[in-house]
Amino acid sequence: MKLHVQLFAVAKERLGTSQVAVELPEGASLGQLRAALAEFYPPLREVLRHARLAVNNEYAAESTPLAAGAEVAIIPPVSGG
C-alpha cells in the first residue's frame, strides 16, 4: 500500500517538502512506517527518534496498524520560549 506522510517543522525543513510517499505491505504498523522513513529518507533519522506520529489526526502507538489512505503526520517536538 502507498502511504502519504505529512511533514511539519524541522522534518519539512530537512527534506524541503511537506509530504513524502512510502510503499509498505498491507497491514504494516506505524513502527514499520517509522523504520521505512528512516531508511528511505536519511535526513529524517534524527527527527524520527524524537517525533510523534499521528494517524488520522490522532497520536498513535508504534503497534497501530495502517490502512491504505490513512493520513499520517510526523510531528517533531517544538521548542521555544
PDB file of N, CA and C in Angstrom:
ATOM      1  N   MET A   1       0.844  -1.177   0.000  1.00  0.00           N
ATOM      2  CA  MET A   1       0.000   0.000   0.000  1.00  0.00           C
ATOM      3  C   MET A   1       0.883   1.232   0.000  1.00  0.00           C
ATOM      4  N   LYS A   2       0.392   2.275  -0.593  1.00  0.00           N
ATOM      5  CA  LYS A   2       1.143   3.522  -0.640  1.00  0.00           C
ATOM      6  C   LYS A   2       0.560   4.485   0.391  1.00  0.00           C
ATOM      7  N   LEU A   3       1.427   5.031   1.231  1.00  0.00           N
ATOM      8  CA  LEU A   3       1.025   5.993   2.246  1.00  0.00           C
ATOM      9  C   LEU A   3       1.672   7.332   1.967  1.00  0.00           C
ATOM     10  N   HIS A   4       0.907   8.384   2.156  1.00  0.00           N
ATOM     11  CA  HIS A   4       1.430   9.744   2.047  1.00  0.00           C
ATOM     12  C   HIS A   4       1.582  10.284   3.460  1.00  0.00           C
ATOM     13  N   VAL A   5       2.765  10.791   3.760  1.00  0.00           N
ATOM     14  CA  VAL A   5       3.095  11.238   5.104  1.00  0.00           C
ATOM     15  C   VAL A   5       3.325  12.741   5.082  1.00  0.00           C
ATOM     16  N   GLN A   6       2.604  13.460   5.934  1.00  0.00           N
ATOM     17  CA  GLN A   6       2.748  14.904   6.055  1.00  0.00           C
ATOM     18  C   GLN A   6       3.930  15.220   6.973  1.00  0.00           C
ATOM     19  N   LEU A   7       4.724  16.198   6.586  1.00  0.00           N
ATOM     20  CA  LEU A   7       5.890  16.610   7.370  1.00  0.00           C
ATOM     21  C   LEU A   7       5.665  18.018   7.913  1.00  0.00           C
ATOM     22  N   PHE A   8       6.076  18.244   9.142  1.00  0.00           N
ATOM     23  CA  PHE A   8       5.936  19.547   9.768  1.00  0.00           C
ATOM     24  C   PHE A   8       7.261  19.983  10.376  1.00  0.00           C
ATOM     25  N   ALA A   9       7.392  21.280  10.563  1.00  0.00           N
ATOM     26  CA  ALA A   9       8.531  21.891  11.253  1.00  0.00           C
ATOM     27  C   ALA A   9       9.871  21.408  10.694  1.00  0.00           C
ATOM     28  N   VAL A  10      10.755  20.927  11.563  1.00  0.00           N
ATOM     29  CA  VAL A  10      12.108  20.554  11.150  1.00  0.00           C
ATOM     30  C   VAL A  10      12.106  19.391  10.147  1.00  0.00           C
ATOM     31  N   ALA A  11      11.130  18.502  10.226  1.00  0.00           N
ATOM     32  CA  ALA A  11      11.057  17.400   9.253  1.00  0.00           C
ATOM     33  C   ALA A  11      10.835  17.962   7.851  1.00  0.00           C
ATOM     34  N   LYS A  12       9.964  18.925   7.744  1.00  0.00           N
ATOM     35  CA  LYS A  12       9.692  19.590   6.461  1.00  0.00           C
ATOM     36  C   LYS A  12      10.938  20.328   5.969  1.00  0.00           C
ATOM     37  N   GLU A  13      11.618  21.003   6.872  1.00  0.00           N
ATOM     38  CA  GLU A  13      12.836  21.737   6.506  1.00  0.00           C
ATOM     39  C   GLU A  13      13.935  20.796   6.025  1.00  0.00           C
ATOM     40  N   ARG A  14      14.105  19.661   6.684  1.00  0.00           N
ATOM     41  CA  ARG A  14      15.179  18.728   6.324  1.00  0.00           C
ATOM     42  C   ARG A  14      15.019  18.176   4.908  1.00  0.00           C
ATOM     43  N   LEU A  15      13.766  17.933   4.496  1.00  0.00           N
ATOM     44  CA  LEU A  15      13.546  17.349   3.164  1.00  0.00           C
ATOM     45  C   LEU A  15      13.135  18.374   2.119  1.00  0.00           C
ATOM     46  N   GLY A  16      12.774  19.581   2.559  1.00  0.00           N
ATOM     47  CA  GLY A  16      12.382  20.608   1.605  1.00  0.00           C
ATOM     48  C   GLY A  16      11.044  20.337   0.942  1.00  0.00           C
ATOM     49  N   THR A  17      10.202  19.561   1.612  1.00  0.00           N
ATOM     50  CA  THR A  17       8.875  19.248   1.092  1.00  0.00           C
ATOM     51  C   THR A  17       7.936  19.011   2.267  1.00  0.00           C
ATOM     52  N   SER A  18       6.645  19.141   2.028  1.00  0.00           N
ATOM     53  CA  SER A  18       5.680  18.955   3.109  1.00  0.00           C
ATOM     54  C   SER A  18       5.047  17.570   3.102  1.00  0.00           C
ATOM     55  N   GLN A  19       5.418  16.726   2.108  1.00  0.00           N
ATOM     56  CA  GLN A  19       4.821  15.399   2.037  1.00  0.00           C
ATOM     57  C   GLN A  19       5.757  14.433   1.315  1.00  0.00           C
ATOM     58  N   VAL A  20       5.796  13.201   1.793  1.00  0.00           N
ATOM     59  CA  VAL A  20       6.536  12.130   1.123  1.00  0.00           C
ATOM     60  C   VAL A  20       5.620  10.916   1.009  1.00  0.00           C
ATOM     61  N   ALA A  21       5.970  10.024   0.096  1.00  0.00           N
ATOM     62  CA  ALA A  21       5.210   8.787  -0.090  1.00  0.00           C
ATOM     63  C   ALA A  21       6.097   7.597   0.243  1.00  0.00           C
ATOM     64  N   VAL A  22       5.495   6.582   0.857  1.00  0.00           N
ATOM     65  CA  VAL A  22       6.211   5.363   1.232  1.00  0.00           C
ATOM     66  C   VAL A  22       5.335   4.173   0.864  1.00  0.00           C
ATOM     67  N   GLU A  23       5.950   3.167   0.272  1.00  0.00           N
ATOM     68  CA  GLU A  23       5.246   1.933  -0.078  1.00  0.00           C
ATOM     69  C   GLU A  23       5.527   0.899   1.006  1.00  0.00           C
ATOM     70  N   LEU A  24       4.464   0.361   1.607  1.00  0.00           N
ATOM     71  CA  LEU A  24       4.583  -0.648   2.657  1.00  0.00           C
ATOM     72  C   LEU A  24       3.625  -1.794   2.374  1.00  0.00           C
ATOM     73  N   PRO A  25       3.887  -2.987   2.939  1.00  0.00           N
ATOM     74  CA  PRO A  25       2.938  -4.095   2.766  1.00  0.00           C
ATOM     75  C   PRO A  25       1.618  -3.804   3.496  1.00  0.00           C
ATOM     76  N   GLU A  26       0.543  -4.384   3.007  1.00  0.00           N
ATOM     77  CA  GLU A  26      -0.757  -4.249   3.675  1.00  0.00           C
ATOM     78  C   GLU A  26      -0.624  -4.681   5.131  1.00  0.00           C
ATOM     79  N   GLY A  27      -1.273  -3.932   6.013  1.00  0.00           N
ATOM     80  CA  GLY A  27      -1.264  -4.281   7.428  1.00  0.00           C
ATOM     81  C   GLY A  27      -0.014  -3.859   8.177  1.00  0.00           C
ATOM     82  N   ALA A  28       0.867  -3.100   7.548  1.00  0.00           N
ATOM     83  CA  ALA A  28       2.088  -2.632   8.221  1.00  0.00           C
ATOM     84  C   ALA A  28       1.705  -1.758   9.415  1.00  0.00           C
ATOM     85  N   SER A  29       2.588  -1.729  10.394  1.00  0.00           N
ATOM     86  CA  SER A  29       2.333  -0.929  11.599  1.00  0.00           C
ATOM     87  C   SER A  29       2.998   0.439  11.483  1.00  0.00           C
ATOM     88  N   LEU A  30       2.614   1.311  12.383  1.00  0.00           N
ATOM     89  CA  LEU A  30       3.215   2.637  12.431  1.00  0.00           C
ATOM     90  C   LEU A  30       4.712   2.536  12.711  1.00  0.00           C
ATOM     91  N   GLY A  31       5.126   1.590  13.519  1.00  0.00           N
ATOM     92  CA  GLY A  31       6.545   1.368  13.789  1.00  0.00           C
ATOM     93  C   GLY A  31       7.303   0.974  12.533  1.00  0.00           C
ATOM     94  N   GLN A  32       6.674   0.144  11.700  1.00  0.00           N
ATOM     95  CA  GLN A  32       7.304  -0.224  10.421  1.00  0.00           C
ATOM     96  C   GLN A  32       7.413   0.984   9.506  1.00  0.00           C
ATOM     97  N   LEU A  33       6.413   1.846   9.540  1.00  0.00           N
ATOM     98  CA  LEU A  33       6.483   3.077   8.745  1.00  0.00           C
ATOM     99  C   LEU A  33       7.628   3.950   9.230  1.00  0.00           C
ATOM    100  N   ARG A  34       7.769   4.107  10.545  1.00  0.00           N
ATOM    101  CA  ARG A  34       8.857   4.928  11.088  1.00  0.00           C
ATOM    102  C   ARG A  34      10.211   4.384  10.607  1.00  0.00           C
ATOM    103  N   ALA A  35      10.392   3.061  10.651  1.00  0.00           N
ATOM    104  CA  ALA A  35      11.648   2.442  10.206  1.00  0.00           C
ATOM    105  C   ALA A  35      11.869   2.666   8.715  1.00  0.00           C
ATOM    106  N   ALA A  36      10.821   2.544   7.919  1.00  0.00           N
ATOM    107  CA  ALA A  36      10.940   2.750   6.474  1.00  0.00           C
ATOM    108  C   ALA A  36      11.292   4.199   6.155  1.00  0.00           C
ATOM    109  N   LEU A  37      10.695   5.137   6.863  1.00  0.00           N
ATOM    110  CA  LEU A  37      11.012   6.549   6.641  1.00  0.00           C
ATOM    111  C   LEU A  37      12.482   6.831   6.952  1.00  0.00           C
ATOM    112  N   ALA A  38      12.982   6.265   8.043  1.00  0.00           N
ATOM    113  CA  ALA A  38      14.386   6.462   8.410  1.00  0.00           C
ATOM    114  C   ALA A  38      15.314   5.872   7.348  1.00  0.00           C
ATOM    115  N   GLU A  39      14.910   4.747   6.762  1.00  0.00           N
ATOM    116  CA  GLU A  39      15.735   4.108   5.733  1.00  0.00           C
ATOM    117  C   GLU A  39      15.702   4.881   4.412  1.00  0.00           C
ATOM    118  N   PHE A  40      14.509   5.257   3.967  1.00  0.00           N
ATOM    119  CA  PHE A  40      14.355   5.909   2.662  1.00  0.00           C
ATOM    120  C   PHE A  40      14.722   7.384   2.677  1.00  0.00           C
ATOM    121  N   TYR A  41      14.619   8.020   3.828  1.00  0.00           N
ATOM    122  CA  TYR A  41      14.892   9.459   3.937  1.00  0.00           C
ATOM    123  C   TYR A  41      15.874   9.706   5.086  1.00  0.00           C
ATOM    124  N   PRO A  42      17.169   9.424   4.865  1.00  0.00           N
ATOM    125  CA  PRO A  42      18.170   9.553   5.932  1.00  0.00           C
ATOM    126  C   PRO A  42      18.173  10.900   6.666  1.00  0.00           C
ATOM    127  N   PRO A  43      17.879  12.037   6.013  1.00  0.00           N
ATOM    128  CA  PRO A  43      17.862  13.289   6.778  1.00  0.00           C
ATOM    129  C   PRO A  43      16.801  13.318   7.889  1.00  0.00           C
ATOM    130  N   LEU A  44      15.857  12.388   7.858  1.00  0.00           N
ATOM    131  CA  LEU A  44      14.813  12.353   8.885  1.00  0.00           C
ATOM    132  C   LEU A  44      15.175  11.474  10.083  1.00  0.00           C
ATOM    133  N   ARG A  45      16.250  10.727  10.001  1.00  0.00           N
ATOM    134  CA  ARG A  45      16.573   9.756  11.063  1.00  0.00           C
ATOM    135  C   ARG A  45      16.571  10.371  12.458  1.00  0.00           C
ATOM    136  N   GLU A  46      17.290  11.449  12.640  1.00  0.00           N
ATOM    137  CA  GLU A  46      17.376  12.069  13.964  1.00  0.00           C
ATOM    138  C   GLU A  46      16.024  12.644  14.388  1.00  0.00           C
ATOM    139  N   VAL A  47      15.314  13.252  13.458  1.00  0.00           N
ATOM    140  CA  VAL A  47      13.992  13.814  13.755  1.00  0.00           C
ATOM    141  C   VAL A  47      13.044  12.712  14.210  1.00  0.00           C
ATOM    142  N   LEU A  48      13.062  11.585  13.515  1.00  0.00           N
ATOM    143  CA  LEU A  48      12.155  10.482  13.832  1.00  0.00           C
ATOM    144  C   LEU A  48      12.395   9.884  15.214  1.00  0.00           C
ATOM    145  N   ARG A  49      13.601  10.003  15.712  1.00  0.00           N
ATOM    146  CA  ARG A  49      13.898   9.474  17.051  1.00  0.00           C
ATOM    147  C   ARG A  49      13.094  10.183  18.131  1.00  0.00           C
ATOM    148  N   HIS A  50      12.729  11.450  17.876  1.00  0.00           N
ATOM    149  CA  HIS A  50      12.059  12.259  18.894  1.00  0.00           C
ATOM    150  C   HIS A  50      10.636  12.664  18.518  1.00  0.00           C
ATOM    151  N   ALA A  51      10.251  12.428  17.281  1.00  0.00           N
ATOM    152  CA  ALA A  51       8.952  12.879  16.795  1.00  0.00           C
ATOM    153  C   ALA A  51       7.821  11.953  17.222  1.00  0.00           C
ATOM    154  N   ARG A  52       6.647  12.529  17.314  1.00  0.00           N
ATOM    155  CA  ARG A  52       5.417  11.753  17.497  1.00  0.00           C
ATOM    156  C   ARG A  52       4.814  11.544  16.116  1.00  0.00           C
ATOM    157  N   LEU A  53       4.134  10.441  15.926  1.00  0.00           N
ATOM    158  CA  LEU A  53       3.440  10.189  14.677  1.00  0.00           C
ATOM    159  C   LEU A  53       1.949  10.132  14.959  1.00  0.00           C
ATOM    160  N   ALA A  54       1.197  10.705  14.061  1.00  0.00           N
ATOM    161  CA  ALA A  54      -0.255  10.722  14.189  1.00  0.00           C
ATOM    162  C   ALA A  54      -0.866  10.021  12.990  1.00  0.00           C
ATOM    163  N   VAL A  55      -1.953   9.317  13.239  1.00  0.00           N
ATOM    164  CA  VAL A  55      -2.704   8.634  12.191  1.00  0.00           C
ATOM    165  C   VAL A  55      -4.132   9.166  12.256  1.00  0.00           C
ATOM    166  N   ASN A  56      -4.586   9.694  11.139  1.00  0.00           N
ATOM    167  CA  ASN A  56      -5.943  10.250  11.062  1.00  0.00           C
ATOM    168  C   ASN A  56      -6.209  11.250  12.193  1.00  0.00           C
ATOM    169  N   ASN A  57      -5.253  12.159  12.382  1.00  0.00           N
ATOM    170  CA  ASN A  57      -5.356  13.275  13.334  1.00  0.00           C
ATOM    171  C   ASN A  57      -5.325  12.875  14.800  1.00  0.00           C
ATOM    172  N   GLU A  58      -4.837  11.670  15.100  1.00  0.00           N
ATOM    173  CA  GLU A  58      -4.709  11.215  16.487  1.00  0.00           C
ATOM    174  C   GLU A  58      -3.305  10.644  16.693  1.00  0.00           C
ATOM    175  N   TYR A  59      -2.639  11.024  17.783  1.00  0.00           N
ATOM    176  CA  TYR A  59      -1.364  10.389  18.087  1.00  0.00           C
ATOM    177  C   TYR A  59      -1.594   8.891  18.218  1.00  0.00           C
ATOM    178  N   ALA A  60      -0.635   8.108  17.723  1.00  0.00           N
ATOM    179  CA  ALA A  60      -0.827   6.664  17.694  1.00  0.00           C
ATOM    180  C   ALA A  60       0.415   5.938  18.193  1.00  0.00           C
ATOM    181  N   ALA A  61       0.201   4.704  18.662  1.00  0.00           N
ATOM    182  CA  ALA A  61       1.282   3.846  19.149  1.00  0.00           C
ATOM    183  C   ALA A  61       1.994   3.182  17.979  1.00  0.00           C
ATOM    184  N   GLU A  62       3.218   2.756  18.231  1.00  0.00           N
ATOM    185  CA  GLU A  62       4.018   2.088  17.195  1.00  0.00           C
ATOM    186  C   GLU A  62       3.328   0.832  16.658  1.00  0.00           C
ATOM    187  N   SER A  63       2.511   0.199  17.467  1.00  0.00           N
ATOM    188  CA  SER A  63       1.839  -1.036  17.056  1.00  0.00           C
ATOM    189  C   SER A  63       0.574  -0.796  16.231  1.00  0.00           C
ATOM    190  N   THR A  64       0.185   0.448  16.058  1.00  0.00           N
ATOM    191  CA  THR A  64      -1.036   0.767  15.316  1.00  0.00           C
ATOM    192  C   THR A  64      -0.938   0.279  13.879  1.00  0.00           C
ATOM    193  N   PRO A  65      -1.898  -0.554  13.441  1.00  0.00           N
ATOM    194  CA  PRO A  65      -1.881  -0.995  12.039  1.00  0.00           C
ATOM    195  C   PRO A  65      -2.336   0.143  11.121  1.00  0.00           C
ATOM    196  N   LEU A  66      -1.744   0.202   9.954  1.00  0.00           N
ATOM    197  CA  LEU A  66      -2.071   1.247   8.990  1.00  0.00           C
ATOM    198  C   LEU A  66      -2.920   0.674   7.861  1.00  0.00           C
ATOM    199  N   ALA A  67      -3.794   1.499   7.340  1.00  0.00           N
ATOM    200  CA  ALA A  67      -4.632   1.110   6.205  1.00  0.00           C
ATOM    201  C   ALA A  67      -4.337   2.059   5.051  1.00  0.00           C
ATOM    202  N   ALA A  68      -4.511   1.568   3.845  1.00  0.00           N
ATOM    203  CA  ALA A  68      -4.330   2.419   2.669  1.00  0.00           C
ATOM    204  C   ALA A  68      -5.226   3.640   2.815  1.00  0.00           C
ATOM    205  N   GLY A  69      -4.683   4.799   2.491  1.00  0.00           N
ATOM    206  CA  GLY A  69      -5.445   6.035   2.573  1.00  0.00           C
ATOM    207  C   GLY A  69      -5.393   6.715   3.926  1.00  0.00           C
ATOM    208  N   ALA A  70      -4.727   6.097   4.909  1.00  0.00           N
ATOM    209  CA  ALA A  70      -4.608   6.723   6.227  1.00  0.00           C
ATOM    210  C   ALA A  70      -3.826   8.023   6.112  1.00  0.00           C
ATOM    211  N   GLU A  71      -4.220   9.008   6.893  1.00  0.00           N
ATOM    212  CA  GLU A  71      -3.484  10.268   6.961  1.00  0.00           C
ATOM    213  C   GLU A  71      -2.453  10.146   8.071  1.00  0.00           C
ATOM    214  N   VAL A  72      -1.179  10.192   7.705  1.00  0.00           N
ATOM    215  CA  VAL A  72      -0.097  10.045   8.679  1.00  0.00           C
ATOM    216  C   VAL A  72       0.697  11.348   8.711  1.00  0.00           C
ATOM    217  N   ALA A  73       1.076  11.781   9.914  1.00  0.00           N
ATOM    218  CA  ALA A  73       1.853  13.004  10.068  1.00  0.00           C
ATOM    219  C   ALA A  73       3.014  12.774  11.016  1.00  0.00           C
ATOM    220  N   ILE A  74       4.164  13.380  10.682  1.00  0.00           N
ATOM    221  CA  ILE A  74       5.320  13.404  11.577  1.00  0.00           C
ATOM    222  C   ILE A  74       5.292  14.739  12.278  1.00  0.00           C
ATOM    223  N   ILE A  75       5.229  14.698  13.614  1.00  0.00           N
ATOM    224  CA  ILE A  75       5.146  15.916  14.382  1.00  0.00           C
ATOM    225  C   ILE A  75       6.338  15.983  15.324  1.00  0.00           C
ATOM    226  N   PRO A  76       7.373  16.738  14.912  1.00  0.00           N
ATOM    227  CA  PRO A  76       8.576  16.870  15.751  1.00  0.00           C
ATOM    228  C   PRO A  76       8.275  17.657  17.020  1.00  0.00           C
ATOM    229  N   PRO A  77       9.092  17.466  18.049  1.00  0.00           N
ATOM    230  CA  PRO A  77       8.921  18.277  19.260  1.00  0.00           C
ATOM    231  C   PRO A  77       9.178  19.741  18.929  1.00  0.00           C
ATOM    232  N   VAL A  78       8.507  20.598  19.658  1.00  0.00           N
ATOM    233  CA  VAL A  78       8.627  22.045  19.433  1.00  0.00           C
ATOM    234  C   VAL A  78       9.334  22.657  20.624  1.00  0.00           C
ATOM    235  N   SER A  79      10.281  23.536  20.359  1.00  0.00           N
ATOM    236  CA  SER A  79      10.923  24.254  21.456  1.00  0.00           C
ATOM    237  C   SER A  79      10.690  25.737  21.254  1.00  0.00           C
ATOM    238  N   GLY A  80      10.826  26.443  22.289  1.00  0.00           N
ATOM    239  CA  GLY A  80      10.609  27.895  22.190  1.00  0.00           C
ATOM    240  C   GLY A  80      10.651  28.512  23.564  1.00  0.00           C
ATOM    241  N   GLY A  81      10.389  29.771  23.599  1.00  0.00           N
ATOM    242  CA  GLY A  81      10.413  30.405  24.902  1.00  0.00           C
ATOM    243  C   GLY A  81       9.680  31.686  24.919  1.00  0.00           C
TER     244      GLY A  81
END
